[in-house]
Amino acid sequence: MSFAGRLTDEGYRKVETSAEVWAVIRARHPELVPFGTASFEGDMFSSYGFPGADFPLMEARTTWEIGPEYQRINEQHRYWLCIPIKEAT
């Protein structure tokens, strides 16, 4: 399922981006804080934003198959920027 450009229930749109964009933003903005994390067997999700912000700035998801001795097999990463949506009045 593609999440690119998907509207969320949280009031923002996700726009898929690259690992390079994600890495540069993280490196240039050490003040970013976790907005949320979730980890399940073979699936990890994280979102980051500026302290005091209403929405995260970016999100990432890593998925993998679990191999012998809990090795990560076929690890895949996806990254998104989060664009706030103005509510209609």
Protein backbone atom coordinates (compact mmCIF):
# COMPACT_ATOMS: atom_id res chain seq x y z
CA MET A 1 0.00 0.00 0.00
CA SER A 2 1.37 3.44 -0.88
CA PHE A 3 1.25 6.15 1.76
CA ALA A 4 2.61 8.87 -0.56
CA GLY A 5 0.38 11.92 -0.39
CA ARG A 6 -2.03 10.10 1.92
CA LEU A 7 -4.20 12.22 4.18
CA THR A 8 -4.03 11.15 7.79
CA ASP A 9 -6.55 11.44 10.58
CA GLU A 10 -4.01 13.61 12.39
CA GLY A 11 -4.49 16.64 10.11
CA TYR A 12 -1.50 16.34 7.84
CA ARG A 13 -0.54 14.85 4.49
CA LYS A 14 2.40 12.47 4.09
CA VAL A 15 4.70 13.05 1.13
CA GLU A 16 7.20 10.27 0.52
CA THR A 17 10.83 11.37 0.42
CA SER A 18 14.30 9.84 0.18
CA ALA A 19 16.72 8.52 2.77
CA GLU A 20 19.08 11.35 1.80
CA VAL A 21 16.51 14.06 2.59
CA TRP A 22 15.67 12.37 5.90
CA ALA A 23 19.36 12.15 6.86
CA VAL A 24 20.11 15.79 6.03
CA ILE A 25 17.13 17.08 8.02
CA ARG A 26 18.08 14.95 11.03
CA ALA A 27 21.72 16.09 10.80
CA ARG A 28 20.88 19.80 10.44
CA HIS A 29 18.18 19.87 13.13
CA PRO A 30 19.38 18.09 16.28
CA GLU A 31 16.56 19.81 18.17
CA LEU A 32 13.99 17.45 16.61
CA VAL A 33 12.27 15.25 19.18
CA PRO A 34 10.33 11.99 18.83
CA PHE A 35 6.60 12.54 18.34
CA GLY A 36 5.77 8.87 18.45
CA THR A 37 7.20 5.42 18.01
CA ALA A 38 5.73 1.99 17.59
CA SER A 39 7.48 -1.31 17.18
CA PHE A 40 5.97 -4.65 16.38
CA GLU A 41 7.51 -7.87 15.21
CA GLY A 42 9.32 -6.90 11.98
CA ASP A 43 7.82 -3.41 11.79
CA MET A 44 9.06 -0.15 13.35
CA PHE A 45 7.55 3.34 12.95
CA SER A 46 8.95 6.67 14.20
CA SER A 47 7.93 10.30 13.81
CA TYR A 48 9.94 13.42 14.67
CA GLY A 49 9.13 17.09 14.99
CA PHE A 50 10.10 20.35 16.62
CA PRO A 51 9.41 20.76 20.34
CA GLY A 52 6.00 22.35 20.90
CA ALA A 53 4.80 21.74 17.33
CA ASP A 54 1.29 20.43 16.70
CA PHE A 55 2.40 17.96 14.01
CA PRO A 56 5.49 15.90 13.28
CA LEU A 57 7.84 17.10 10.56
CA MET A 58 8.74 13.64 9.28
CA GLU A 59 8.07 9.95 9.70
CA ALA A 60 9.92 6.74 8.93
CA ARG A 61 8.97 3.09 8.75
CA THR A 62 11.28 0.09 8.65
CA THR A 63 10.00 -3.40 7.93
CA TRP A 64 11.82 -6.73 7.82
CA GLU A 65 11.43 -10.47 8.04
CA ILE A 66 12.82 -12.16 11.13
CA GLY A 67 15.37 -14.85 10.41
CA PRO A 68 17.26 -17.35 12.50
CA GLU A 69 18.72 -15.84 15.67
CA TYR A 70 16.41 -12.82 15.16
CA GLN A 71 18.34 -11.52 12.14
CA ARG A 72 16.68 -8.79 10.07
CA ILE A 73 16.15 -10.10 6.55
CA ASN A 74 14.94 -8.01 3.58
CA GLU A 75 15.00 -4.81 5.61
CA GLN A 76 13.17 -1.98 3.86
CA HIS A 77 12.97 1.71 4.81
CA ARG A 78 10.42 4.36 3.84
CA TYR A 79 10.47 8.04 4.71
CA TRP A 80 7.84 10.82 4.63
CA LEU A 81 7.63 14.55 5.18
CA CYS A 82 4.49 15.66 7.01
CA ILE A 83 2.59 18.62 5.53
CA PRO A 84 -0.09 20.20 7.80
CA ILE A 85 -3.52 20.65 6.23
CA LYS A 86 -5.39 23.87 6.96
CA GLU A 87 -8.90 23.18 8.23
CA ALA A 88 -11.74 24.67 6.21
CA THR A 89 -13.72 27.28 8.14
